[in-house]
Amino acid sequence: MEGFDHNKSHLDQHNEAGIADPSNSKTTTGAVASSSTGSSVAASDLEQALNQTLSTDEKAAAPAATVGVDDHDHGPKVGPFETHVDLNNVANARTLDRKQVGKQGSFEDSFGDKGDFLNPGGGNNTVIAGGGNDVIRGSGQGLNTITTGSGKDTIILGKETTNRIFDFDAANDRFVLQGVSPKDIIIAQGKNPGKGGLEQPLDSVNNALIIDKREGHILASLTFANASDINESHFSRLTGEANQSLQNEELKEAGFKNQRGNGQLNGTLGHDRLIGGKGNDFLYVGDDGFSLGTATGGGGTEFPFKTDSPGTSELTPTLKNGVLSFSGSYKDFDGAPLFSQGEKELDPNAKILSGADPKALMDGFLKVPQDKEGNAISGTHLHFSTAGDNRGNFADATVVRYFENTPTDAKSGTLSGTFELSPEEQAAFLAGNLYVNIHSNIDVDGDGRAGFATGENRLNFNKDVVKFA
């Protein structure tokens, strides 16, 4: 279902824009750790030395290194996100044992047969990698939204850069530190209870955090991850040798195709080296870099409230040129999909398993008459959260998009939707982080059962449905 707080009504969790009430999703402010006075000269010298090993195209994409003991610049908030967090406002914080953090040598043998090197540079970027062992440089002093894909992936973390990683896999993925000492790394769990779909705060309770404790800068926010799964084995320190192995000349000999530019850069099914600019870029796996299965719902699987409905549903997606389309159907439902009958109130026989007030529930739905693309309100919603794979079950009440319901009889019908996704939304979908649920209402056939207003079926577009080539 929609992830209702048992103590809040649907009205409390939505506003007219179709997203969670901002009062429920505030980020932390004024978040600066008091233990720091800025970067040290030694750290700046190290970063300069590392930058000298960058090739010309990478230097053009990254801000110049700085020198000085008080050179720290907090920078502005990026979009709705606060990229710093007070260390008093996180849970289970712990440091790394730097003696257990080794050095990263050459990446030459790290890519396998189809891995990529992806460097989005500065700006607010989106990176969607692929099925190989990829290296992603997240150190351009901007905000990156990253879907790593399925291989054994490496994310390079650098100071004053925040990386929102939608699908970090603690069993396979790891970090390399550029210009940040292991002794300054804090691993913690977020404590912010706010929700907001893709715009949930970086320090959400659902996210593990990698923090530079000198200024409380969030280097990485790992969506739907547990901080307890991250330890010293996930970190190493960048070396000049490692940087050198990522240069165009080095990778060209290994068969990498080099692209550099602004805007969207599309990868291939082979090795790619994609370098963004200083603006907002989209490094994309390509439409042929993944396959999509069919998601199914039913069998009482509506999370987090079990149902006794005999109803089942299925949806098959396609994603091409940033357009996500769905086609599918539902059958044997206890009630017609919400709003498919033009109703303005709940059937008294409809079940509300969260215990919410029926009038407040309906008022909350009606307060969001269309989604961000103008699709009219319906009882079938696209949301942001994982469930049904190895990452645990979550739910977020924020509406991402509305589907179209077309009943064919009292208990069955078709489902469809065509949506233009932003790069960040594409990253969420390909990370397996979106789901659909179907609210129902109105006892059309008069059998005394009027469906589940808090959701009769849930269909998870998780890692079992979305797979990389």
Protein backbone atom coordinates (compact mmCIF):
# COMPACT_ATOMS: atom_id res chain seq x y z
CA MET A 1 0.00 0.00 0.00
CA GLU A 2 1.05 3.59 0.30
CA GLY A 3 3.09 3.34 3.47
CA PHE A 4 0.67 5.09 5.81
CA ASP A 5 1.83 6.17 9.21
CA HIS A 6 -0.75 4.66 11.58
CA ASN A 7 -0.91 8.01 13.36
CA LYS A 8 -1.45 10.15 10.24
CA SER A 9 -4.26 10.38 7.73
CA HIS A 10 -3.76 10.36 3.97
CA LEU A 11 -4.51 14.08 4.07
CA ASP A 12 -1.57 14.65 6.38
CA GLN A 13 0.79 12.91 3.98
CA HIS A 14 -0.08 14.67 0.71
CA ASN A 15 -0.29 18.17 -0.69
CA GLU A 16 -1.84 19.49 -3.87
CA ALA A 17 1.32 18.80 -5.91
CA GLY A 18 0.94 15.07 -5.40
CA ILE A 19 3.93 14.71 -3.12
CA ALA A 20 4.27 14.09 0.58
CA ASP A 21 3.44 16.98 2.89
CA PRO A 22 6.67 18.98 3.35
CA SER A 23 6.06 18.98 7.07
CA ASN A 24 6.69 15.23 6.99
CA SER A 25 9.87 15.40 4.93
CA LYS A 26 12.00 18.24 6.20
CA THR A 27 15.73 17.89 5.87
CA THR A 28 18.20 18.91 8.50
CA THR A 29 19.45 22.47 8.43
CA GLY A 30 22.47 24.21 9.82
CA ALA A 31 24.12 20.81 9.80
CA VAL A 32 27.82 21.34 10.43
CA ALA A 33 29.93 19.09 12.59
CA SER A 34 31.72 21.21 15.19
CA SER A 35 34.89 19.13 15.12
CA SER A 36 36.36 20.64 11.94
CA THR A 37 38.06 23.81 10.86
CA GLY A 38 38.50 22.79 7.23
CA SER A 39 40.87 20.84 5.03
CA SER A 40 44.49 20.45 6.00
CA VAL A 41 47.41 21.53 3.83
CA ALA A 42 48.50 17.90 3.61
CA ALA A 43 45.12 16.81 2.33
CA SER A 44 45.08 19.58 -0.28
CA ASP A 45 48.58 18.68 -1.43
CA LEU A 46 47.50 15.06 -1.79
CA GLU A 47 44.50 16.09 -3.88
CA GLN A 48 46.69 18.27 -6.09
CA ALA A 49 49.04 15.35 -6.64
CA LEU A 50 46.13 13.09 -7.57
CA ASN A 51 44.67 15.70 -9.91
CA GLN A 52 47.98 15.93 -11.73
CA THR A 53 47.49 12.33 -12.82
CA LEU A 54 44.09 13.10 -14.39
CA SER A 55 43.92 13.28 -18.17
CA THR A 56 43.03 16.57 -19.84
CA ASP A 57 39.37 15.72 -20.40
CA GLU A 58 38.85 14.75 -16.76
CA LYS A 59 40.55 17.92 -15.52
CA ALA A 60 38.13 19.96 -17.62
CA ALA A 61 35.19 18.27 -15.91
CA ALA A 62 36.40 18.72 -12.34
CA PRO A 63 36.95 21.84 -10.20
CA ALA A 64 40.56 22.75 -9.55
CA ALA A 65 42.19 21.56 -6.34
CA THR A 66 42.41 24.08 -3.53
CA VAL A 67 45.13 24.80 -1.00
CA GLY A 68 44.79 26.24 2.49
CA VAL A 69 43.73 25.37 6.00
CA ASP A 70 40.45 27.29 5.91
CA ASP A 71 39.37 26.64 2.32
CA HIS A 72 36.15 24.76 3.10
CA ASP A 73 33.08 26.05 1.30
CA HIS A 74 29.73 24.66 2.38
CA GLY A 75 28.14 25.56 -0.92
CA PRO A 76 24.40 26.02 -1.46
CA LYS A 77 21.71 23.43 -0.96
CA VAL A 78 21.12 21.45 -4.14
CA GLY A 79 17.43 21.24 -5.02
CA PRO A 80 15.48 20.00 -2.00
CA PHE A 81 18.51 18.29 -0.48
CA GLU A 82 20.64 19.29 2.48
CA THR A 83 24.07 17.82 1.77
CA HIS A 84 25.37 18.27 5.32
CA VAL A 85 24.14 16.61 8.48
CA ASP A 86 24.80 17.24 12.14
CA LEU A 87 26.45 14.16 13.59
CA ASN A 88 24.09 14.46 16.55
CA ASN A 89 21.23 13.76 14.15
CA VAL A 90 22.34 10.36 12.86
CA ALA A 91 22.14 6.90 14.41
CA ASN A 92 24.79 4.29 15.17
CA ALA A 93 27.66 6.47 13.97
CA ARG A 94 31.08 4.89 13.88
CA THR A 95 34.49 5.64 12.39
CA LEU A 96 36.78 3.56 10.22
CA ASP A 97 39.92 1.89 11.48
CA ARG A 98 42.28 3.51 8.99
CA LYS A 99 44.85 0.76 9.49
CA GLN A 100 42.40 -1.62 7.86
CA VAL A 101 41.86 0.60 4.80
CA GLY A 102 44.32 -0.20 2.03
CA LYS A 103 45.34 1.56 -1.17
CA GLN A 104 43.65 1.20 -4.52
CA GLY A 105 46.12 0.14 -7.19
CA SER A 106 45.50 0.12 -10.92
CA PHE A 107 41.92 -0.46 -12.09
CA GLU A 108 43.25 -2.27 -15.15
CA ASP A 109 41.92 -5.67 -14.14
CA SER A 110 38.75 -4.40 -12.41
CA PHE A 111 36.39 -3.94 -15.36
CA GLY A 112 35.81 -7.51 -16.51
CA ASP A 113 34.57 -7.99 -20.06
CA LYS A 114 32.13 -5.06 -20.25
CA GLY A 115 32.68 -2.66 -17.35
CA ASP A 116 32.65 1.13 -17.82
CA PHE A 117 34.39 4.18 -16.39
CA LEU A 118 31.88 6.98 -15.76
CA ASN A 119 32.79 10.48 -14.60
CA PRO A 120 29.87 12.95 -14.54
CA GLY A 121 32.10 15.85 -13.44
CA GLY A 122 30.60 18.85 -11.67
CA GLY A 123 26.96 19.89 -11.51
CA ASN A 124 23.83 17.96 -10.57
CA ASN A 125 24.15 14.74 -12.51
CA THR A 126 22.52 11.36 -13.02
CA VAL A 127 24.55 8.22 -13.71
CA ILE A 128 23.00 4.89 -14.73
CA ALA A 129 25.69 2.26 -15.19
CA GLY A 130 25.13 -1.29 -16.45
CA GLY A 131 25.69 -4.98 -15.97
CA GLY A 132 29.47 -4.87 -15.87
CA ASN A 133 32.02 -3.98 -13.19
CA ASP A 134 31.90 -0.20 -13.36
CA VAL A 135 34.00 2.58 -11.84
CA ILE A 136 32.12 5.83 -11.15
CA ARG A 137 34.02 8.96 -10.14
CA GLY A 138 31.72 10.80 -7.75
CA SER A 139 34.14 13.55 -6.77
CA GLY A 140 33.27 16.53 -8.98
CA GLN A 141 31.92 18.69 -6.13
CA GLY A 142 28.28 18.43 -7.15
CA LEU A 143 25.33 16.14 -6.49
CA ASN A 144 25.14 12.81 -8.30
CA THR A 145 22.17 10.44 -8.44
CA ILE A 146 23.59 7.00 -9.22
CA THR A 147 22.25 3.60 -10.21
CA THR A 148 25.26 1.31 -10.34
CA GLY A 149 23.60 -1.60 -12.12
CA SER A 150 24.47 -5.24 -11.40
CA GLY A 151 28.25 -5.92 -11.38
CA LYS A 152 30.97 -5.34 -8.84
CA ASP A 153 31.04 -1.57 -8.86
CA THR A 154 33.35 1.08 -7.40
CA ILE A 155 32.31 4.61 -6.51
CA ILE A 156 35.10 7.14 -5.99
CA LEU A 157 34.13 9.56 -3.21
CA GLY A 158 35.67 13.04 -2.99
CA LYS A 159 35.28 15.96 -0.62
CA GLU A 160 32.36 18.35 -1.08
CA THR A 161 30.60 15.90 -3.40
CA THR A 162 27.38 14.09 -2.54
CA ASN A 163 26.39 10.83 -4.20
CA ARG A 164 22.84 9.54 -3.84
CA ILE A 165 23.17 5.83 -4.68
CA PHE A 166 19.90 4.04 -5.36
CA ASP A 167 21.14 0.44 -5.46
CA PHE A 168 24.34 0.04 -3.47
CA ASP A 169 25.04 -3.68 -2.96
CA ALA A 170 27.16 -4.29 0.12
CA ALA A 171 28.04 -7.77 -1.14
CA ASN A 172 29.64 -6.46 -4.34
CA ASP A 173 30.09 -2.68 -4.39
CA ARG A 174 32.73 -0.56 -2.66
CA PHE A 175 34.19 2.93 -2.28
CA VAL A 176 37.54 4.54 -3.04
CA LEU A 177 38.42 7.75 -1.19
CA GLN A 178 39.88 10.66 -3.19
CA GLY A 179 41.35 13.46 -1.10
CA VAL A 180 39.55 12.27 2.03
CA SER A 181 41.36 10.43 4.81
CA PRO A 182 39.83 7.22 6.18
CA LYS A 183 40.14 8.71 9.66
CA ASP A 184 37.58 11.36 8.70
CA ILE A 185 34.93 8.90 7.53
CA ILE A 186 31.78 8.28 9.57
CA ILE A 187 29.33 5.49 8.74
CA ALA A 188 25.85 6.05 10.16
CA GLN A 189 22.14 5.50 9.65
CA GLY A 190 19.88 8.42 8.89
CA LYS A 191 17.25 9.40 11.44
CA ASN A 192 15.07 11.77 9.41
CA PRO A 193 11.53 10.30 9.30
CA GLY A 194 10.48 12.51 6.39
CA LYS A 195 9.16 11.00 3.17
CA GLY A 196 8.87 12.53 -0.26
CA GLY A 197 9.30 9.92 -2.94
CA LEU A 198 12.45 10.54 -4.95
CA GLU A 199 12.88 13.78 -3.00
CA GLN A 200 13.14 12.09 0.39
CA PRO A 201 15.88 13.66 2.54
CA LEU A 202 19.36 12.25 2.10
CA ASP A 203 19.46 11.44 5.82
CA SER A 204 16.23 9.44 5.70
CA VAL A 205 15.86 6.63 8.21
CA ASN A 206 15.90 4.31 5.18
CA ASN A 207 19.40 5.40 4.14
CA ALA A 208 22.93 4.51 5.19
CA LEU A 209 25.28 7.50 5.18
CA ILE A 210 28.98 7.94 4.45
CA ILE A 211 29.98 11.25 6.04
CA ASP A 212 33.12 13.40 6.03
CA LYS A 213 33.17 14.25 9.72
CA ARG A 214 35.30 17.39 9.27
CA GLU A 215 32.23 19.35 8.19
CA GLY A 216 29.41 16.82 8.32
CA HIS A 217 29.31 16.57 4.53
CA ILE A 218 27.33 13.61 3.20
CA LEU A 219 29.65 11.93 0.70
CA ALA A 220 27.18 9.15 -0.04
CA SER A 221 23.56 8.41 0.82
CA LEU A 222 22.73 4.76 0.18
CA THR A 223 19.00 4.46 -0.40
CA PHE A 224 17.21 1.58 1.37
CA ALA A 225 20.47 0.33 2.90
CA ASN A 226 21.67 -0.53 6.40
CA ALA A 227 24.76 1.17 7.80
CA SER A 228 25.55 -2.00 9.76
CA ASP A 229 26.36 -3.70 6.44
CA ILE A 230 29.19 -1.23 5.65
CA ASN A 231 32.70 -1.64 7.10
CA GLU A 232 36.41 -1.15 6.38
CA SER A 233 36.39 -3.81 3.68
CA HIS A 234 34.26 -1.50 1.54
CA PHE A 235 36.91 1.26 1.43
CA SER A 236 40.34 1.91 -0.06
CA ARG A 237 42.40 5.03 -0.78
CA LEU A 238 42.94 6.37 -4.30
CA THR A 239 46.49 6.42 -5.63
CA GLY A 240 48.18 8.07 -8.58
CA GLU A 241 48.54 4.64 -10.15
CA ALA A 242 44.76 4.12 -9.94
CA ASN A 243 44.09 7.54 -11.48
CA GLN A 244 46.57 6.88 -14.26
CA SER A 245 44.79 3.64 -15.18
CA LEU A 246 41.56 5.61 -15.84
CA GLN A 247 43.06 7.91 -18.46
CA ASN A 248 41.83 7.69 -22.03
CA GLU A 249 45.16 6.44 -23.35
CA GLU A 250 45.23 3.60 -20.86
CA LEU A 251 41.62 2.51 -21.36
CA LYS A 252 41.71 2.92 -25.14
CA GLU A 253 44.20 0.07 -25.31
CA ALA A 254 41.65 -2.08 -23.46
CA GLY A 255 38.95 -1.34 -26.04
CA PHE A 256 37.09 1.44 -24.26
CA LYS A 257 35.03 3.84 -26.39
CA ASN A 258 35.64 7.39 -25.21
CA GLN A 259 32.90 10.05 -25.11
CA ARG A 260 33.10 13.46 -23.52
CA GLY A 261 30.44 16.17 -23.59
CA ASN A 262 27.52 17.90 -21.95
CA GLY A 263 23.95 16.66 -21.56
CA GLN A 264 23.11 13.00 -22.19
CA LEU A 265 25.84 10.51 -23.07
CA ASN A 266 24.67 7.01 -24.01
CA GLY A 267 26.79 3.95 -23.40
CA THR A 268 27.09 0.76 -25.43
CA LEU A 269 27.05 -2.94 -24.59
CA GLY A 270 30.87 -2.89 -24.57
CA HIS A 271 33.42 -0.89 -22.58
CA ASP A 272 32.68 2.83 -22.33
CA ARG A 273 34.52 5.80 -20.90
CA LEU A 274 31.99 8.61 -20.47
CA ILE A 275 33.12 12.03 -19.18
CA GLY A 276 30.57 14.74 -18.43
CA GLY A 277 31.17 18.46 -18.15
CA LYS A 278 30.74 21.06 -15.43
CA GLY A 279 26.98 21.31 -16.00
CA ASN A 280 24.14 18.91 -15.30
CA ASP A 281 24.78 15.71 -17.24
CA PHE A 282 23.12 12.32 -17.74
CA LEU A 283 25.42 9.31 -18.24
CA TYR A 284 23.08 6.56 -19.39
CA VAL A 285 23.50 2.82 -19.94
CA GLY A 286 21.47 3.01 -23.16
CA ASP A 287 18.03 1.59 -23.95
CA ASP A 288 19.57 -1.77 -24.91
CA GLY A 289 21.45 -2.11 -21.64
CA PHE A 290 18.61 -3.71 -19.66
CA SER A 291 15.61 -6.01 -19.91
CA LEU A 292 12.24 -5.67 -18.21
CA GLY A 293 9.98 -8.47 -17.02
CA THR A 294 6.36 -8.52 -15.87
CA ALA A 295 5.47 -7.59 -12.30
CA THR A 296 2.59 -9.40 -10.61
CA GLY A 297 0.43 -8.64 -7.60
CA GLY A 298 -2.01 -10.55 -5.45
CA GLY A 299 -2.06 -13.38 -2.99
CA GLY A 300 -2.44 -11.09 -0.01
CA THR A 301 0.95 -9.47 -0.72
CA GLU A 302 -0.15 -5.85 -0.43
CA PHE A 303 2.60 -4.35 1.76
CA PRO A 304 2.52 -3.48 4.60
CA PHE A 305 -1.05 -4.70 5.19
CA LYS A 306 -2.00 -8.24 4.23
CA THR A 307 -5.32 -8.69 2.45
CA ASP A 308 -7.63 -11.65 1.95
CA SER A 309 -8.51 -10.59 -1.59
CA PRO A 310 -8.54 -13.21 -4.38
CA GLY A 311 -7.57 -10.44 -6.79
CA THR A 312 -4.47 -10.58 -8.98
CA SER A 313 -2.81 -8.11 -11.31
CA GLU A 314 0.07 -7.81 -13.75
CA LEU A 315 1.95 -4.98 -15.45
CA THR A 316 4.61 -5.08 -18.16
CA PRO A 317 6.81 -1.98 -18.63
CA THR A 318 8.86 -0.61 -21.50
CA LEU A 319 11.41 2.22 -21.24
CA LYS A 320 12.70 3.96 -24.34
CA ASN A 321 14.00 7.48 -24.89
CA GLY A 322 13.04 8.39 -21.34
CA VAL A 323 9.39 7.34 -21.79
CA LEU A 324 8.12 4.65 -19.43
CA SER A 325 4.99 2.82 -20.56
CA PHE A 326 2.95 0.13 -18.82
CA SER A 327 0.26 -2.23 -19.97
CA GLY A 328 -1.54 -4.81 -17.87
CA SER A 329 -4.70 -5.95 -16.18
CA TYR A 330 -6.39 -6.92 -12.91
CA LYS A 331 -9.02 -9.57 -12.19
CA ASP A 332 -11.13 -11.02 -9.35
CA PHE A 333 -10.97 -7.78 -7.34
CA ASP A 334 -13.31 -7.32 -4.39
CA GLY A 335 -14.06 -3.75 -5.49
CA ALA A 336 -13.62 -1.53 -8.53
CA PRO A 337 -10.38 0.49 -8.65
CA LEU A 338 -10.70 3.74 -6.72
CA PHE A 339 -12.20 6.62 -8.76
CA SER A 340 -13.00 4.34 -11.72
CA GLN A 341 -16.71 4.87 -10.93
CA GLY A 342 -16.42 8.64 -10.52
CA GLU A 343 -17.08 8.33 -6.78
CA LYS A 344 -16.41 11.08 -4.24
CA GLU A 345 -16.68 8.95 -1.10
CA LEU A 346 -15.77 5.50 0.13
CA ASP A 347 -18.18 2.60 0.00
CA PRO A 348 -19.07 1.70 3.62
CA ASN A 349 -18.04 -1.89 2.84
CA ALA A 350 -14.52 -0.89 1.72
CA LYS A 351 -11.78 -2.04 4.09
CA ILE A 352 -9.22 0.41 5.46
CA LEU A 353 -6.55 -1.76 6.98
CA SER A 354 -4.44 1.11 8.31
CA GLY A 355 -7.19 2.30 10.64
CA ALA A 356 -7.37 5.69 8.92
CA ASP A 357 -10.53 7.80 9.07
CA PRO A 358 -12.58 7.13 5.87
CA LYS A 359 -13.50 10.77 5.22
CA ALA A 360 -9.96 12.03 5.84
CA LEU A 361 -8.64 9.27 3.61
CA MET A 362 -10.89 10.23 0.70
CA ASP A 363 -10.31 13.96 1.24
CA GLY A 364 -6.59 13.31 1.09
CA PHE A 365 -6.89 11.46 -2.22
CA LEU A 366 -9.07 14.16 -3.74
CA LYS A 367 -6.62 16.85 -2.69
CA VAL A 368 -4.22 15.53 -5.36
CA PRO A 369 -6.38 15.73 -8.53
CA GLN A 370 -3.52 15.11 -10.98
CA ASP A 371 0.13 14.11 -11.04
CA LYS A 372 3.08 16.23 -12.23
CA GLU A 373 2.32 15.39 -15.87
CA GLY A 374 -1.36 16.22 -15.56
CA ASN A 375 -2.62 12.63 -15.48
CA ALA A 376 -6.01 12.59 -13.75
CA ILE A 377 -6.43 11.06 -10.31
CA SER A 378 -6.92 7.31 -10.21
CA GLY A 379 -6.68 4.51 -7.68
CA THR A 380 -3.53 3.04 -9.25
CA HIS A 381 -0.36 4.83 -8.21
CA LEU A 382 3.35 4.67 -8.99
CA HIS A 383 5.51 5.10 -5.87
CA PHE A 384 9.17 5.11 -4.80
CA SER A 385 10.33 2.23 -2.58
CA THR A 386 11.73 -1.28 -2.76
CA ALA A 387 10.08 -4.58 -1.84
CA GLY A 388 10.15 -8.21 -2.78
CA ASP A 389 13.90 -8.60 -3.41
CA ASN A 390 16.92 -8.84 -1.11
CA ARG A 391 16.76 -5.24 0.14
CA GLY A 392 13.79 -5.38 2.48
CA ASN A 393 10.30 -3.89 2.22
CA PHE A 394 9.52 -0.18 2.30
CA ALA A 395 6.62 2.07 1.34
CA ASP A 396 6.33 5.81 0.65
CA ALA A 397 2.96 7.55 0.33
CA THR A 398 4.22 10.03 -2.27
CA VAL A 399 2.50 9.73 -5.66
CA VAL A 400 4.97 9.64 -8.55
CA ARG A 401 2.36 9.08 -11.31
CA TYR A 402 -1.30 8.06 -11.79
CA PHE A 403 -2.30 5.15 -14.04
CA GLU A 404 -5.46 4.76 -16.08
CA ASN A 405 -7.96 2.10 -14.91
CA THR A 406 -10.51 0.75 -17.39
CA PRO A 407 -12.98 -1.74 -15.84
CA THR A 408 -14.22 -4.46 -18.19
CA ASP A 409 -16.63 -6.02 -15.68
CA ALA A 410 -17.42 -5.78 -11.97
CA LYS A 411 -14.18 -7.44 -10.91
CA SER A 412 -11.72 -7.03 -13.80
CA GLY A 413 -10.17 -4.45 -16.08
CA THR A 414 -7.07 -3.09 -17.79
CA LEU A 415 -4.26 -0.88 -16.52
CA SER A 416 -2.11 1.50 -18.54
CA GLY A 417 0.22 4.45 -18.20
CA THR A 418 2.73 6.39 -20.29
CA PHE A 419 5.06 8.74 -18.46
CA GLU A 420 7.99 10.97 -19.39
CA LEU A 421 10.65 10.36 -16.75
CA SER A 422 13.39 12.68 -15.62
CA PRO A 423 16.90 11.18 -15.51
CA GLU A 424 16.53 10.76 -11.74
CA GLU A 425 13.22 8.92 -12.19
CA GLN A 426 14.82 6.66 -14.80
CA ALA A 427 17.60 5.93 -12.32
CA ALA A 428 15.05 5.02 -9.66
CA PHE A 429 13.15 2.73 -12.01
CA LEU A 430 16.26 0.94 -13.30
CA ALA A 431 17.49 0.55 -9.72
CA GLY A 432 14.34 -1.48 -9.02
CA ASN A 433 13.04 1.21 -6.67
CA LEU A 434 9.52 1.84 -7.98
CA TYR A 435 6.29 0.02 -7.25
CA VAL A 436 2.62 0.27 -8.19
CA ASN A 437 -0.35 -0.30 -5.92
CA ILE A 438 -4.04 -0.51 -6.69
CA HIS A 439 -6.60 0.98 -4.30
CA SER A 440 -10.15 -0.26 -4.72
CA ASN A 441 -13.62 0.90 -3.74
CA ILE A 442 -17.32 0.40 -4.62
CA ASP A 443 -19.13 -2.92 -4.39
CA VAL A 444 -20.12 -3.08 -8.07
CA ASP A 445 -21.52 -6.62 -8.05
CA GLY A 446 -23.34 -6.27 -4.73
CA ASP A 447 -21.64 -9.16 -2.94
CA GLY A 448 -20.95 -7.12 0.19
CA ARG A 449 -17.21 -6.74 -0.51
CA ALA A 450 -15.97 -3.33 -1.68
CA GLY A 451 -12.23 -3.74 -1.89
CA PHE A 452 -9.37 -2.20 0.07
CA ALA A 453 -9.08 1.57 0.03
CA THR A 454 -5.55 1.33 1.38
CA GLY A 455 -4.53 -0.98 -1.45
CA GLU A 456 -5.69 -4.36 -2.76
CA ASN A 457 -2.59 -5.35 -4.80
CA ARG A 458 1.02 -4.18 -4.94
CA LEU A 459 3.32 -4.80 -7.93
CA ASN A 460 7.06 -4.36 -7.32
CA PHE A 461 9.36 -3.31 -10.15
CA ASN A 462 12.35 -4.57 -8.22
CA LYS A 463 15.66 -6.18 -9.16
CA ASP A 464 13.84 -9.41 -10.02
CA VAL A 465 11.90 -7.55 -12.74
CA VAL A 466 14.45 -4.95 -13.90
CA LYS A 467 17.70 -6.60 -15.04
CA PHE A 468 20.83 -5.24 -16.70
CA ALA A 469 22.35 -6.80 -19.79
